[in-house]
Protein backbone atom coordinates (compact mmCIF):
# COMPACT_ATOMS: atom_id res chain seq x y z
CA UNK A 1 0.35 40.29 -71.94
CA UNK A 2 -0.59 42.67 -69.18
CA UNK A 3 -3.93 43.28 -70.90
CA UNK A 4 -4.78 39.63 -71.00
CA UNK A 5 -4.02 39.36 -67.25
CA UNK A 6 -6.31 42.21 -66.49
CA UNK A 7 -9.17 40.72 -68.54
CA UNK A 8 -8.77 37.44 -66.86
CA UNK A 9 -8.96 38.98 -63.42
CA UNK A 10 -12.02 40.93 -64.31
CA UNK A 11 -13.82 37.94 -65.82
CA UNK A 12 -13.11 35.80 -62.82
CA UNK A 13 -14.23 38.44 -60.46
CA UNK A 14 -17.45 39.09 -62.27
CA UNK A 15 -18.19 35.33 -62.34
CA UNK A 16 -17.60 35.02 -58.55
CA UNK A 17 -19.90 37.98 -58.01
CA UNK A 18 -22.67 36.55 -59.98
CA UNK A 19 -22.39 33.16 -58.24
CA UNK A 20 -22.61 34.96 -54.84
CA UNK A 21 -25.73 36.92 -55.82
CA UNK A 22 -27.34 33.80 -57.18
CA UNK A 23 -26.79 31.99 -53.86
CA UNK A 24 -28.27 34.84 -51.90
CA UNK A 25 -31.30 35.15 -54.06
CA UNK A 26 -32.22 31.37 -54.01
CA UNK A 27 -35.04 30.68 -51.56
CA UNK A 28 -34.30 28.08 -48.84
CA UNK A 29 -35.76 24.54 -49.11
CA UNK A 30 -38.67 23.78 -46.88
CA UNK A 31 -39.17 20.40 -45.05
CA UNK A 32 -42.19 18.44 -46.15
CA UNK A 33 -45.10 18.93 -43.75
CA UNK A 34 -46.42 15.77 -41.93
CA UNK A 35 -49.71 14.29 -42.91
CA UNK A 36 -52.51 15.25 -40.43
CA UNK A 37 -53.81 12.45 -38.27
CA UNK A 38 -57.21 12.50 -36.60
CA UNK A 39 -57.01 11.88 -32.84
CA UNK A 40 -60.03 11.43 -30.60
CA UNK A 41 -59.68 11.99 -26.81
CA UNK A 42 -61.68 9.67 -24.54
CA UNK A 43 -62.12 10.70 -20.92
CA UNK A 44 -62.16 8.02 -18.12
CA UNK A 45 -65.92 8.63 -17.60
CA UNK A 46 -66.68 8.16 -21.23
CA UNK A 47 -64.52 4.94 -21.26
CA UNK A 48 -66.45 3.60 -18.30
CA UNK A 49 -69.81 4.53 -19.84
CA UNK A 50 -68.92 2.21 -22.75
CA UNK A 51 -68.65 -0.66 -20.39
CA UNK A 52 -71.51 -2.15 -18.36
CA UNK A 53 -70.88 -2.41 -14.63
CA UNK A 54 -71.34 -0.58 -11.37
CA UNK A 55 -70.55 3.17 -11.11
CA UNK A 56 -69.32 2.89 -7.52
CA UNK A 57 -66.83 0.00 -8.33
CA UNK A 58 -63.08 0.86 -8.32
CA UNK A 59 -62.03 -2.20 -10.26
CA UNK A 60 -61.84 -2.36 -14.08
CA UNK A 61 -62.01 -6.15 -14.40
CA UNK A 62 -63.85 -8.85 -12.39
CA UNK A 63 -63.45 -12.54 -11.98
CA UNK A 64 -65.90 -14.82 -13.97
CA UNK A 65 -68.98 -15.52 -11.96
CA UNK A 66 -69.28 -19.34 -11.69
CA UNK A 67 -72.71 -19.25 -9.99
CA UNK A 68 -74.42 -17.19 -12.72
CA UNK A 69 -77.34 -18.74 -14.44
CA UNK A 70 -76.97 -20.03 -17.97
CA UNK A 71 -79.17 -17.30 -19.41
CA UNK A 72 -77.25 -14.57 -17.56
CA UNK A 73 -73.90 -16.08 -18.55
CA UNK A 74 -74.91 -16.41 -22.17
CA UNK A 75 -76.24 -12.84 -22.07
CA UNK A 76 -73.01 -11.59 -20.51
CA UNK A 77 -71.08 -13.44 -23.10
CA UNK A 78 -73.33 -12.05 -25.80
CA UNK A 79 -72.79 -8.59 -24.50
CA UNK A 80 -68.99 -9.03 -24.35
CA UNK A 81 -68.64 -10.64 -27.80
CA UNK A 82 -69.26 -8.87 -31.09
CA UNK A 83 -72.73 -9.53 -32.73
CA UNK A 84 -72.30 -11.78 -35.61
CA UNK A 85 -75.23 -12.34 -37.92
CA UNK A 86 -76.28 -16.01 -38.17
CA UNK A 87 -76.18 -17.79 -41.45
CA UNK A 88 -79.49 -17.63 -43.29
CA UNK A 89 -81.31 -20.99 -43.04
CA UNK A 90 -83.24 -22.28 -46.02
CA UNK A 91 -86.83 -21.33 -45.77
CA UNK A 92 -89.29 -24.25 -45.89
CA UNK A 93 -92.00 -24.17 -48.45
CA UNK A 94 -95.08 -22.69 -46.93
CA UNK A 95 -98.17 -24.73 -46.76
CA UNK A 96 -101.56 -23.14 -46.95
CA UNK A 97 -102.66 -24.82 -43.72
CA UNK A 98 -99.61 -24.02 -41.38
CA UNK A 99 -99.11 -20.61 -39.72
CA UNK A 100 -96.02 -19.21 -37.89
CA UNK A 101 -96.20 -18.56 -34.12
CA UNK A 102 -93.66 -16.08 -32.91
CA UNK A 103 -92.37 -16.56 -29.23
CA UNK A 104 -93.12 -13.78 -26.80
CA UNK A 105 -90.35 -11.21 -26.20
CA UNK A 106 -88.23 -11.71 -23.00
CA UNK A 107 -89.16 -9.46 -20.14
CA UNK A 108 -86.84 -6.47 -19.59
CA UNK A 109 -84.14 -6.86 -17.00
CA UNK A 110 -84.50 -4.73 -13.83
CA UNK A 111 -81.95 -2.07 -13.38
CA UNK A 112 -79.59 -2.55 -10.45
CA UNK A 113 -80.49 -0.50 -7.51
CA UNK A 114 -77.88 1.41 -5.59
CA UNK A 115 -77.29 0.23 -2.00
CA UNK A 116 -76.54 3.27 0.26
CA UNK A 117 -75.18 1.02 3.03
CA UNK A 118 -72.72 -0.55 0.66
CA UNK A 119 -71.68 2.77 -0.61
CA UNK A 120 -71.10 4.05 3.01
CA UNK A 121 -69.04 0.89 3.78
CA UNK A 122 -67.01 1.32 0.62
CA UNK A 123 -66.26 4.95 1.65
CA UNK A 124 -65.01 3.84 5.08
CA UNK A 125 -61.17 3.40 5.50
CA UNK A 126 -59.83 -0.20 5.60
CA UNK A 127 -59.91 -1.65 9.10
CA UNK A 128 -56.64 -1.55 10.99
CA UNK A 129 -54.88 -4.61 12.76
CA UNK A 130 -56.61 -6.29 15.59
CA UNK A 131 -55.34 -6.15 19.15
CA UNK A 132 -54.05 -9.70 18.93
CA UNK A 133 -52.10 -8.88 15.82
CA UNK A 134 -50.65 -5.80 17.55
CA UNK A 135 -49.68 -7.86 20.65
CA UNK A 136 -48.08 -10.50 18.50
CA UNK A 137 -46.19 -7.77 16.40
CA UNK A 138 -44.93 -6.22 19.78
CA UNK A 139 -43.87 -9.56 21.11
CA UNK A 140 -41.94 -10.32 17.86
CA UNK A 141 -40.21 -6.94 17.97
CA UNK A 142 -39.23 -7.43 21.63
CA UNK A 143 -37.92 -10.94 20.94
CA UNK A 144 -35.90 -9.63 17.95
CA UNK A 145 -34.47 -6.82 20.10
CA UNK A 146 -33.57 -9.17 22.90
CA UNK A 147 -31.90 -11.52 20.39
CA UNK A 148 -29.87 -8.62 18.88
CA UNK A 149 -28.85 -7.48 22.36
CA UNK A 150 -27.80 -10.99 23.35
CA UNK A 151 -25.75 -11.29 20.10
CA UNK A 152 -24.10 -7.94 20.82
CA UNK A 153 -23.15 -8.96 24.40
CA UNK A 154 -21.83 -12.20 23.23
CA UNK A 155 -19.64 -10.49 20.64
CA UNK A 156 -18.35 -8.00 23.19
CA UNK A 157 -17.61 -10.86 25.52
CA UNK A 158 -15.73 -12.67 22.82
CA UNK A 159 -13.64 -9.62 21.94
CA UNK A 160 -12.94 -8.99 25.64
CA UNK A 161 -11.92 -12.59 26.12
CA UNK A 162 -9.57 -12.38 23.06
CA UNK A 163 -8.10 -9.14 24.32
CA UNK A 164 -7.50 -10.70 27.83
CA UNK A 165 -5.92 -13.82 26.34
CA UNK A 166 -3.66 -11.61 24.22
CA UNK A 167 -2.68 -9.44 27.28
CA UNK A 168 -1.95 -12.63 29.33
CA UNK A 169 0.21 -14.08 26.49
CA UNK A 170 2.08 -10.74 26.29
CA UNK A 171 2.58 -10.77 30.10
CA UNK A 172 3.73 -14.43 30.10
CA UNK A 173 6.16 -13.66 27.24
CA UNK A 174 7.48 -10.68 29.20
CA UNK A 175 7.87 -12.72 32.41
CA UNK A 176 9.79 -15.38 30.41
CA UNK A 177 12.04 -12.76 28.84
CA UNK A 178 12.76 -11.21 32.23
CA UNK A 179 13.38 -14.56 33.80
CA UNK A 180 15.76 -15.43 30.96
CA UNK A 181 17.57 -12.09 31.24
CA UNK A 182 17.85 -12.57 34.95
CA UNK A 183 19.19 -16.09 34.54
CA UNK A 184 21.70 -14.89 31.90
CA UNK A 185 22.84 -12.11 34.15
CA UNK A 186 23.20 -14.54 37.03
CA UNK A 187 25.27 -16.87 34.79
CA UNK A 188 27.33 -14.00 33.58
CA UNK A 189 27.92 -12.85 37.12
CA UNK A 190 28.89 -16.29 38.22
CA UNK A 191 31.24 -16.62 35.24
CA UNK A 192 32.80 -13.30 36.00
CA UNK A 193 33.23 -14.24 39.60
CA UNK A 194 34.83 -17.53 38.70
CA UNK A 195 37.16 -15.77 36.29
CA UNK A 196 38.13 -13.27 38.94
CA UNK A 197 38.81 -16.07 41.41
CA UNK A 198 40.88 -17.93 38.82
CA UNK A 199 42.89 -14.79 38.09
CA UNK A 200 43.27 -14.20 41.75
CA UNK A 201 44.40 -17.72 42.34
CA UNK A 202 46.76 -17.50 39.34
CA UNK A 203 48.36 -14.27 40.65
CA UNK A 204 48.76 -15.86 44.03
CA UNK A 205 50.49 -18.84 42.47
CA UNK A 206 52.79 -16.54 40.46
CA UNK A 207 53.46 -14.56 43.64
CA UNK A 208 54.23 -17.76 45.49
CA UNK A 209 56.53 -18.89 42.81
CA UNK A 210 58.28 -15.51 42.70
CA UNK A 211 58.67 -15.67 46.49
CA UNK A 212 60.17 -19.10 46.17
CA UNK A 213 62.65 -17.86 43.57
CA UNK A 214 63.48 -14.84 45.69
CA UNK A 215 64.14 -17.07 48.66
CA UNK A 216 66.74 -18.93 46.57
CA UNK A 217 68.56 -15.68 45.60
CA UNK A 218 72.00 -15.74 47.39
CA UNK A 219 72.10 -11.97 47.58
CA UNK A 220 69.06 -11.89 50.08
CA UNK A 221 69.81 -11.36 53.68
CA UNK A 222 69.69 -14.59 55.58
CA UNK A 223 70.17 -16.83 52.50
CA UNK A 224 72.66 -19.63 52.40
CA UNK A 225 76.08 -19.33 50.68
CA UNK A 226 74.97 -21.75 47.93
CA UNK A 227 72.69 -20.75 45.12
CA UNK A 228 70.91 -24.01 45.43
CA UNK A 229 70.82 -26.80 47.92
CA UNK A 230 73.34 -29.68 47.17
CA UNK A 231 71.67 -32.35 45.03
CA UNK A 232 73.71 -35.18 46.67
CA UNK A 233 74.66 -35.53 50.34
CA UNK A 234 78.21 -34.32 50.98
CA UNK A 235 80.46 -33.16 53.85
CA UNK A 236 82.53 -30.83 51.47
CA UNK A 237 82.49 -27.26 52.73
CA UNK A 238 84.79 -25.57 50.12
CA UNK A 239 83.99 -23.56 47.01
CA UNK A 240 81.76 -25.07 44.47
CA UNK A 241 81.52 -24.67 40.67
CA UNK A 242 79.64 -21.54 39.57
CA UNK A 243 80.09 -17.90 38.64
CA UNK A 244 82.60 -15.75 40.41
CA UNK A 245 79.88 -13.56 42.00
CA UNK A 246 76.95 -15.98 41.64
CA UNK A 247 74.53 -13.05 41.25
CA UNK A 248 73.44 -13.34 37.60
CA UNK A 249 70.07 -11.72 36.89
CA UNK A 250 67.11 -14.03 37.05
CA UNK A 251 63.66 -13.55 35.32
CA UNK A 252 60.59 -13.73 37.45
CA UNK A 253 57.80 -16.09 36.54
CA UNK A 254 55.76 -13.28 35.02
CA UNK A 255 58.66 -12.09 32.95
CA UNK A 256 59.32 -15.63 31.68
CA UNK A 257 55.71 -16.01 30.73
CA UNK A 258 55.62 -12.65 28.87
CA UNK A 259 58.91 -13.56 27.06
CA UNK A 260 57.55 -16.94 26.02
CA UNK A 261 54.22 -15.36 24.86
CA UNK A 262 56.12 -12.84 22.67
CA UNK A 263 58.29 -15.57 21.06
CA UNK A 264 55.22 -17.86 20.60
CA UNK A 265 53.17 -15.11 18.96
CA UNK A 266 55.93 -14.37 16.39
CA UNK A 267 56.57 -18.03 15.53
CA UNK A 268 52.83 -18.80 15.30
CA UNK A 269 52.45 -16.28 12.52
CA UNK A 270 55.53 -17.74 10.56
CA UNK A 271 55.08 -21.46 11.22
CA UNK A 272 52.95 -23.39 8.69
CA UNK A 273 52.08 -26.98 9.30
CA UNK A 274 53.43 -29.21 6.48
CA UNK A 275 50.87 -30.29 4.09
CA UNK A 276 50.04 -34.10 4.25
CA UNK A 277 52.17 -34.40 7.35
CA UNK A 278 49.40 -35.34 9.77
CA UNK A 279 48.06 -31.92 10.96
CA UNK A 280 48.21 -31.47 14.70
CA UNK A 281 49.59 -35.06 14.87
CA UNK A 282 52.82 -33.81 13.34
CA UNK A 283 56.01 -34.85 15.13
CA UNK A 284 57.36 -32.50 17.86
CA UNK A 285 60.62 -30.87 16.72
CA UNK A 286 62.94 -29.09 19.17
CA UNK A 287 65.28 -26.33 17.73
CA UNK A 288 68.05 -24.34 19.35
CA UNK A 289 69.36 -21.06 17.87
CA UNK A 290 71.29 -17.91 18.92
CA UNK A 291 70.22 -14.31 18.35
CA UNK A 292 72.08 -11.08 18.05
CA UNK A 293 71.05 -8.04 20.06
CA UNK A 294 69.03 -6.68 17.09
CA UNK A 295 67.02 -9.99 16.93
CA UNK A 296 68.59 -11.43 13.87
CA UNK A 297 69.92 -14.93 13.66
CA UNK A 298 73.51 -15.73 14.75
CA UNK A 299 74.05 -18.76 12.82
CA UNK A 300 71.71 -21.56 11.59
CA UNK A 301 69.10 -23.20 13.86
CA UNK A 302 70.10 -26.58 15.05
CA UNK A 303 67.73 -29.59 15.60
CA UNK A 304 67.92 -31.16 18.98
CA UNK A 305 67.82 -34.94 19.04
CA UNK A 306 67.24 -35.48 15.22
CA UNK A 307 65.48 -38.69 14.18
CA UNK A 308 65.13 -40.59 10.95
CA UNK A 309 61.98 -40.61 8.93
CA UNK A 310 60.41 -38.57 6.17
CA UNK A 311 57.72 -37.09 8.48
CA UNK A 312 60.29 -35.86 11.02
CA UNK A 313 62.40 -34.40 8.27
CA UNK A 314 59.45 -32.46 6.86
CA UNK A 315 58.43 -31.12 10.25
CA UNK A 316 62.07 -30.06 11.02
CA UNK A 317 62.30 -28.20 7.77
CA UNK A 318 59.04 -26.41 8.49
CA UNK A 319 60.32 -25.32 12.03
CA UNK A 320 63.66 -24.07 10.58
CA UNK A 321 61.78 -22.19 7.84
CA UNK A 322 59.52 -20.51 10.56
CA UNK A 323 62.64 -19.33 12.54
CA UNK A 324 64.16 -17.86 9.39
CA UNK A 325 60.95 -16.09 8.44
CA UNK A 326 60.48 -14.48 11.83
CA UNK A 327 64.02 -13.17 11.94
CA UNK A 328 64.66 -10.51 13.27
CA UNK A 329 62.74 -11.13 16.38
CA UNK A 330 61.07 -8.25 18.21
CA UNK A 331 62.09 -8.80 21.86
CA UNK A 332 62.98 -6.46 24.79
CA UNK A 333 66.60 -5.30 24.38
CA UNK A 334 67.16 -4.94 28.15
CA UNK A 335 66.52 -8.71 28.51
CA UNK A 336 68.98 -9.70 25.78
CA UNK A 337 70.85 -11.95 28.26
CA UNK A 338 67.66 -13.92 28.69
CA UNK A 339 66.85 -14.61 24.94
CA UNK A 340 70.27 -14.56 23.24
CA UNK A 341 70.11 -18.35 23.16
CA UNK A 342 66.72 -19.98 22.73
CA UNK A 343 65.58 -23.64 22.73
CA UNK A 344 62.00 -24.21 21.48
CA UNK A 345 59.58 -27.09 21.10
CA UNK A 346 57.54 -26.84 17.88
CA UNK A 347 54.52 -28.75 19.14
CA UNK A 348 51.25 -28.36 17.03
CA UNK A 349 49.10 -28.97 20.08
CA UNK A 350 50.54 -25.81 21.75
CA UNK A 351 51.32 -23.62 18.81
CA UNK A 352 47.87 -23.80 17.29
């Protein structure tokens, strides 16, 4: 088995070596050579010599001469056309008495003589423009330049006018804005001044009311022995009904307003208008209730002057529910004597 393998390798190697040698010894194939073609070069002078004309002319073709004589034209056409042999005509039978007479040959054409003046004129450069043409050209160029300059100036003026209009519009808008700001500032200043005057007037009214209350305080020096003036005319000078000392603490107008504002703010967050009960047209309900020192209810709220009707009942239940939800109330403890018993009107026009 090993011997067969060795023989196979040797045979294959020898075959490949022979193939390589055969490829190296083979001559390369040559491309077929092109067939030779005869070419004749004709110079421009030789080409011109083949054509009849003038040696000083620079044009190869000329327009047909309409004034030429019939003989010259026919001769020119005969020269330009190829010579074709005429068809042979039948020869007449000769007679013994007739003889043929040949026409005389045409005279030779004279050769064209060269004109030295024409040659000199042909060698001269072409004439330039005339002074009139130069003046007209200069005038046209000047007019075109003036027109271009006028168009440029007009465009610049247009651009400048647009910029000025834009600047004017911006200035007008700025003036309007400044005037509006000034007017707004003036209005704001006037409103602030009015508000200050109203606050000053309100404070003055509160001070006047407080002074009036203080004047009715029996503990003040120079005050009468009565807490208030008698409501009916009387001659009685003895003791009247009232507290033993008659010096119970009294809230000032400002303190009363602050206390009412605190109670109103708490009730407003708890009171909900009854649905379908008329909105702000709901009937006004007056409640009275008592509070402990911690702000909790001391008993059930009572309706003052109850009335019949479904609408009033719904409004009363909504007011009682609001008082229960707000309990305990957050009120100043040192003024407990002022809010231990409250009477409140649940009016939608004031509570909203």
